[in-house]
Amino acid sequence: MSDESALLAPVSVAPPPPAVPSHGDAEAAKKAGQDFEAFFLSQAFENMFAGIDTDPLFGGGNGESVYRSLLLQEYSKVAAKSGTTGIGDEVTREILRMQEQPGAK
């Protein structure tokens, strides 16, 4: 890979994985579940759009690659907030279930 092609490679700006709350706070568990769903969806969206080239006539370039990544992050946050996939709800239930078990930290 030449220096020029390395500079023009698409940049992926994925959010960090969410932190799991360590205490029995339902709101914190819900936020962690929603953050996990957003993280999961952003990774899925990145893979879905990976093979789509930028349009050189109306855009393109490195800027579009960066802004596409940011747009996909926002799409994933909106999709997670709407709860359409149910991933966040399942993660939230599992966090709360694990916190209720005796000996769970």
N, C-alpha and C. Protein backbone atom coordinates (compact mmCIF):
# COMPACT_ATOMS: atom_id res chain seq x y z
N MET A 1 0.85 -1.17 0.00
CA MET A 1 0.00 0.00 0.00
C MET A 1 0.90 1.23 0.00
N SER A 2 0.70 2.11 -0.96
CA SER A 2 1.53 3.30 -1.04
C SER A 2 1.08 4.31 0.02
N ASP A 3 1.93 5.32 0.25
CA ASP A 3 1.60 6.34 1.24
C ASP A 3 0.33 7.09 0.85
N GLU A 4 0.17 7.35 -0.46
CA GLU A 4 -1.00 8.10 -0.92
C GLU A 4 -2.28 7.29 -0.74
N SER A 5 -2.24 6.00 -1.07
CA SER A 5 -3.45 5.19 -0.91
C SER A 5 -3.78 4.98 0.56
N ALA A 6 -2.79 4.98 1.43
CA ALA A 6 -3.05 4.86 2.86
C ALA A 6 -3.77 6.09 3.39
N LEU A 7 -3.45 7.26 2.82
CA LEU A 7 -4.12 8.49 3.24
C LEU A 7 -5.55 8.55 2.75
N LEU A 8 -5.84 7.90 1.63
CA LEU A 8 -7.17 7.95 1.05
C LEU A 8 -8.06 6.80 1.48
N ALA A 9 -7.56 5.91 2.33
CA ALA A 9 -8.36 4.77 2.79
C ALA A 9 -9.50 5.28 3.67
N PRO A 10 -10.68 4.64 3.59
CA PRO A 10 -11.81 5.07 4.42
C PRO A 10 -11.48 4.96 5.90
N VAL A 11 -11.97 5.92 6.65
CA VAL A 11 -11.73 5.97 8.07
C VAL A 11 -12.99 5.49 8.79
N SER A 12 -12.84 4.54 9.68
CA SER A 12 -13.97 4.05 10.46
C SER A 12 -13.88 4.63 11.85
N VAL A 13 -14.91 5.38 12.23
CA VAL A 13 -14.94 6.02 13.53
C VAL A 13 -16.05 5.35 14.35
N ALA A 14 -15.77 4.16 14.86
CA ALA A 14 -16.76 3.41 15.62
C ALA A 14 -16.76 3.86 17.07
N PRO A 15 -17.94 3.94 17.67
CA PRO A 15 -17.99 4.30 19.08
C PRO A 15 -17.42 3.18 19.94
N PRO A 16 -16.93 3.51 21.13
CA PRO A 16 -16.41 2.46 22.00
C PRO A 16 -17.54 1.58 22.51
N PRO A 17 -17.25 0.32 22.85
CA PRO A 17 -18.29 -0.54 23.41
C PRO A 17 -18.81 0.05 24.72
N PRO A 18 -20.09 -0.14 25.01
CA PRO A 18 -20.66 0.46 26.22
C PRO A 18 -20.17 -0.23 27.48
N ALA A 19 -20.15 0.52 28.55
CA ALA A 19 -19.77 -0.02 29.86
C ALA A 19 -21.00 -0.63 30.52
N VAL A 20 -20.82 -1.73 31.20
CA VAL A 20 -21.93 -2.40 31.89
C VAL A 20 -22.01 -1.85 33.31
N PRO A 21 -23.19 -1.42 33.75
CA PRO A 21 -23.31 -0.91 35.11
C PRO A 21 -23.06 -2.01 36.13
N SER A 22 -22.43 -1.65 37.25
CA SER A 22 -22.07 -2.66 38.25
C SER A 22 -23.07 -2.72 39.40
N HIS A 23 -24.06 -1.86 39.42
CA HIS A 23 -25.04 -1.89 40.49
C HIS A 23 -26.44 -2.09 39.89
N GLY A 24 -27.45 -2.24 40.71
CA GLY A 24 -28.79 -2.60 40.26
C GLY A 24 -29.63 -1.45 39.76
N ASP A 25 -29.06 -0.49 39.10
CA ASP A 25 -29.79 0.66 38.59
C ASP A 25 -30.44 0.31 37.24
N ALA A 26 -31.76 0.31 37.19
CA ALA A 26 -32.48 -0.07 35.97
C ALA A 26 -32.23 0.93 34.84
N GLU A 27 -32.15 2.22 35.17
CA GLU A 27 -31.91 3.23 34.12
C GLU A 27 -30.52 3.06 33.51
N ALA A 28 -29.52 2.77 34.34
CA ALA A 28 -28.17 2.55 33.83
C ALA A 28 -28.11 1.29 32.98
N ALA A 29 -28.85 0.26 33.39
CA ALA A 29 -28.90 -0.98 32.61
C ALA A 29 -29.57 -0.73 31.26
N LYS A 30 -30.64 0.07 31.26
CA LYS A 30 -31.33 0.39 30.00
C LYS A 30 -30.40 1.18 29.07
N LYS A 31 -29.67 2.14 29.63
CA LYS A 31 -28.73 2.92 28.81
C LYS A 31 -27.63 2.03 28.25
N ALA A 32 -27.12 1.10 29.07
CA ALA A 32 -26.08 0.19 28.59
C ALA A 32 -26.63 -0.71 27.48
N GLY A 33 -27.86 -1.17 27.61
CA GLY A 33 -28.48 -1.99 26.57
C GLY A 33 -28.67 -1.22 25.28
N GLN A 34 -29.11 0.03 25.42
CA GLN A 34 -29.30 0.87 24.24
C GLN A 34 -27.96 1.21 23.59
N ASP A 35 -26.94 1.48 24.39
CA ASP A 35 -25.61 1.77 23.86
C ASP A 35 -25.04 0.55 23.14
N PHE A 36 -25.28 -0.65 23.69
CA PHE A 36 -24.81 -1.86 23.04
C PHE A 36 -25.50 -2.04 21.69
N GLU A 37 -26.81 -1.81 21.66
CA GLU A 37 -27.55 -1.94 20.41
C GLU A 37 -27.03 -0.95 19.37
N ALA A 38 -26.76 0.29 19.79
CA ALA A 38 -26.22 1.29 18.87
C ALA A 38 -24.84 0.88 18.35
N PHE A 39 -24.01 0.33 19.23
CA PHE A 39 -22.68 -0.13 18.83
C PHE A 39 -22.80 -1.27 17.83
N PHE A 40 -23.67 -2.23 18.13
CA PHE A 40 -23.87 -3.38 17.24
C PHE A 40 -24.37 -2.91 15.87
N LEU A 41 -25.37 -2.04 15.87
CA LEU A 41 -25.93 -1.57 14.61
C LEU A 41 -24.92 -0.74 13.81
N SER A 42 -24.09 0.05 14.50
CA SER A 42 -23.09 0.83 13.77
C SER A 42 -22.09 -0.08 13.07
N GLN A 43 -21.73 -1.19 13.73
CA GLN A 43 -20.82 -2.14 13.09
C GLN A 43 -21.51 -2.82 11.89
N ALA A 44 -22.78 -3.15 12.03
CA ALA A 44 -23.52 -3.76 10.93
C ALA A 44 -23.67 -2.77 9.76
N PHE A 45 -23.98 -1.52 10.07
CA PHE A 45 -24.12 -0.51 9.01
C PHE A 45 -22.79 -0.28 8.30
N GLU A 46 -21.70 -0.26 9.06
CA GLU A 46 -20.37 -0.07 8.44
C GLU A 46 -20.10 -1.19 7.43
N ASN A 47 -20.44 -2.43 7.80
CA ASN A 47 -20.23 -3.55 6.88
C ASN A 47 -21.16 -3.47 5.69
N MET A 48 -22.38 -3.02 5.89
CA MET A 48 -23.34 -2.90 4.79
C MET A 48 -22.87 -1.88 3.75
N PHE A 49 -22.30 -0.77 4.22
CA PHE A 49 -21.91 0.30 3.32
C PHE A 49 -20.45 0.20 2.87
N ALA A 50 -19.73 -0.82 3.31
CA ALA A 50 -18.30 -0.94 2.99
C ALA A 50 -18.05 -1.09 1.50
N GLY A 51 -18.91 -1.77 0.79
CA GLY A 51 -18.69 -2.01 -0.63
C GLY A 51 -19.23 -0.94 -1.55
N ILE A 52 -19.86 0.09 -0.99
CA ILE A 52 -20.43 1.15 -1.82
C ILE A 52 -19.39 2.24 -2.02
N ASP A 53 -19.06 2.48 -3.29
CA ASP A 53 -18.08 3.53 -3.60
C ASP A 53 -18.75 4.90 -3.56
N THR A 54 -17.93 5.91 -3.33
CA THR A 54 -18.45 7.27 -3.34
C THR A 54 -18.65 7.73 -4.77
N ASP A 55 -19.60 8.60 -4.99
CA ASP A 55 -19.92 9.09 -6.32
C ASP A 55 -18.99 10.25 -6.66
N PRO A 56 -18.11 10.09 -7.67
CA PRO A 56 -17.16 11.17 -7.98
C PRO A 56 -17.83 12.40 -8.60
N LEU A 57 -19.01 12.25 -9.18
CA LEU A 57 -19.67 13.38 -9.82
C LEU A 57 -20.24 14.36 -8.81
N PHE A 58 -20.87 13.84 -7.75
CA PHE A 58 -21.52 14.70 -6.77
C PHE A 58 -20.88 14.67 -5.39
N GLY A 59 -19.75 14.11 -5.24
CA GLY A 59 -19.11 14.03 -3.93
C GLY A 59 -17.86 13.21 -4.03
N GLY A 60 -17.67 12.37 -3.04
CA GLY A 60 -16.52 11.48 -3.04
C GLY A 60 -15.39 12.03 -2.20
N GLY A 61 -14.30 11.34 -2.30
CA GLY A 61 -13.12 11.76 -1.57
C GLY A 61 -13.10 11.25 -0.15
N ASN A 62 -12.05 11.61 0.54
CA ASN A 62 -11.86 11.17 1.92
C ASN A 62 -12.89 11.78 2.85
N GLY A 63 -13.31 13.00 2.57
CA GLY A 63 -14.31 13.66 3.41
C GLY A 63 -15.62 12.90 3.46
N GLU A 64 -16.05 12.40 2.31
CA GLU A 64 -17.30 11.64 2.29
C GLU A 64 -17.18 10.36 3.09
N SER A 65 -16.03 9.73 3.04
CA SER A 65 -15.83 8.50 3.82
C SER A 65 -15.93 8.78 5.31
N VAL A 66 -15.35 9.87 5.77
CA VAL A 66 -15.40 10.23 7.18
C VAL A 66 -16.82 10.57 7.59
N TYR A 67 -17.48 11.40 6.80
CA TYR A 67 -18.84 11.81 7.15
C TYR A 67 -19.84 10.67 7.02
N ARG A 68 -19.58 9.72 6.13
CA ARG A 68 -20.45 8.55 6.04
C ARG A 68 -20.39 7.76 7.34
N SER A 69 -19.20 7.61 7.89
CA SER A 69 -19.04 6.90 9.15
C SER A 69 -19.81 7.60 10.27
N LEU A 70 -19.72 8.92 10.33
CA LEU A 70 -20.45 9.67 11.35
C LEU A 70 -21.96 9.57 11.14
N LEU A 71 -22.40 9.59 9.89
CA LEU A 71 -23.81 9.45 9.58
C LEU A 71 -24.32 8.07 10.00
N LEU A 72 -23.54 7.05 9.75
CA LEU A 72 -23.94 5.70 10.14
C LEU A 72 -24.03 5.56 11.65
N GLN A 73 -23.17 6.25 12.39
CA GLN A 73 -23.25 6.25 13.85
C GLN A 73 -24.57 6.86 14.30
N GLU A 74 -24.95 7.97 13.68
CA GLU A 74 -26.20 8.62 14.05
C GLU A 74 -27.40 7.75 13.68
N TYR A 75 -27.34 7.10 12.52
CA TYR A 75 -28.40 6.17 12.15
C TYR A 75 -28.55 5.07 13.20
N SER A 76 -27.41 4.56 13.66
CA SER A 76 -27.46 3.46 14.64
C SER A 76 -28.02 3.95 15.97
N LYS A 77 -27.72 5.17 16.38
CA LYS A 77 -28.27 5.71 17.63
C LYS A 77 -29.78 5.87 17.54
N VAL A 78 -30.27 6.37 16.40
CA VAL A 78 -31.71 6.55 16.21
C VAL A 78 -32.41 5.20 16.18
N ALA A 79 -31.84 4.24 15.48
CA ALA A 79 -32.43 2.90 15.40
C ALA A 79 -32.45 2.25 16.78
N ALA A 80 -31.38 2.42 17.56
CA ALA A 80 -31.33 1.84 18.90
C ALA A 80 -32.34 2.51 19.82
N LYS A 81 -32.50 3.82 19.69
CA LYS A 81 -33.45 4.54 20.54
C LYS A 81 -34.88 4.11 20.25
N SER A 82 -35.18 3.79 18.99
CA SER A 82 -36.53 3.36 18.65
C SER A 82 -36.80 1.93 19.12
N GLY A 83 -35.74 1.15 19.36
CA GLY A 83 -35.89 -0.21 19.88
C GLY A 83 -36.49 -1.19 18.89
N THR A 84 -36.34 -0.96 17.61
CA THR A 84 -36.97 -1.81 16.61
C THR A 84 -36.34 -3.20 16.53
N THR A 85 -35.07 -3.34 16.84
CA THR A 85 -34.43 -4.65 16.74
C THR A 85 -34.63 -5.49 17.99
N GLY A 86 -34.79 -4.85 19.14
CA GLY A 86 -34.99 -5.58 20.39
C GLY A 86 -33.70 -6.04 21.05
N ILE A 87 -32.57 -5.74 20.44
CA ILE A 87 -31.28 -6.16 21.01
C ILE A 87 -31.04 -5.46 22.34
N GLY A 88 -31.30 -4.17 22.39
CA GLY A 88 -31.08 -3.41 23.62
C GLY A 88 -31.95 -3.90 24.77
N ASP A 89 -33.20 -4.25 24.47
CA ASP A 89 -34.09 -4.77 25.52
C ASP A 89 -33.59 -6.10 26.07
N GLU A 90 -33.11 -6.97 25.19
CA GLU A 90 -32.57 -8.26 25.64
C GLU A 90 -31.33 -8.07 26.50
N VAL A 91 -30.45 -7.16 26.08
CA VAL A 91 -29.23 -6.90 26.85
C VAL A 91 -29.59 -6.32 28.21
N THR A 92 -30.56 -5.40 28.24
CA THR A 92 -30.99 -4.80 29.50
C THR A 92 -31.55 -5.86 30.44
N ARG A 93 -32.40 -6.74 29.93
CA ARG A 93 -32.96 -7.81 30.76
C ARG A 93 -31.87 -8.72 31.30
N GLU A 94 -30.88 -9.03 30.47
CA GLU A 94 -29.80 -9.91 30.91
C GLU A 94 -28.94 -9.24 31.98
N ILE A 95 -28.68 -7.95 31.83
CA ILE A 95 -27.90 -7.21 32.84
C ILE A 95 -28.64 -7.24 34.17
N LEU A 96 -29.94 -6.92 34.13
CA LEU A 96 -30.72 -6.90 35.37
C LEU A 96 -30.83 -8.29 35.99
N ARG A 97 -30.97 -9.32 35.16
CA ARG A 97 -31.04 -10.69 35.67
C ARG A 97 -29.74 -11.08 36.35
N MET A 98 -28.62 -10.72 35.74
CA MET A 98 -27.31 -11.06 36.32
C MET A 98 -27.08 -10.31 37.61
N GLN A 99 -27.59 -9.09 37.71
CA GLN A 99 -27.39 -8.32 38.93
C GLN A 99 -28.24 -8.85 40.08
N GLU A 100 -29.35 -9.51 39.77
CA GLU A 100 -30.22 -10.05 40.82
C GLU A 100 -29.69 -11.36 41.40
N GLN A 101 -28.79 -12.02 40.69
CA GLN A 101 -28.27 -13.30 41.17
C GLN A 101 -27.41 -13.09 42.41
N PRO A 102 -27.52 -13.97 43.38
CA PRO A 102 -26.68 -13.85 44.57
C PRO A 102 -25.21 -14.05 44.20
N GLY A 103 -24.38 -13.24 44.78
CA GLY A 103 -22.95 -13.35 44.53
C GLY A 103 -22.50 -12.59 43.29
N ALA A 104 -23.43 -11.94 42.56
CA ALA A 104 -23.05 -11.16 41.39
C ALA A 104 -22.43 -9.86 41.85
N LYS A 105 -21.41 -9.46 41.13
CA LYS A 105 -20.70 -8.22 41.51
C LYS A 105 -21.04 -7.13 40.55
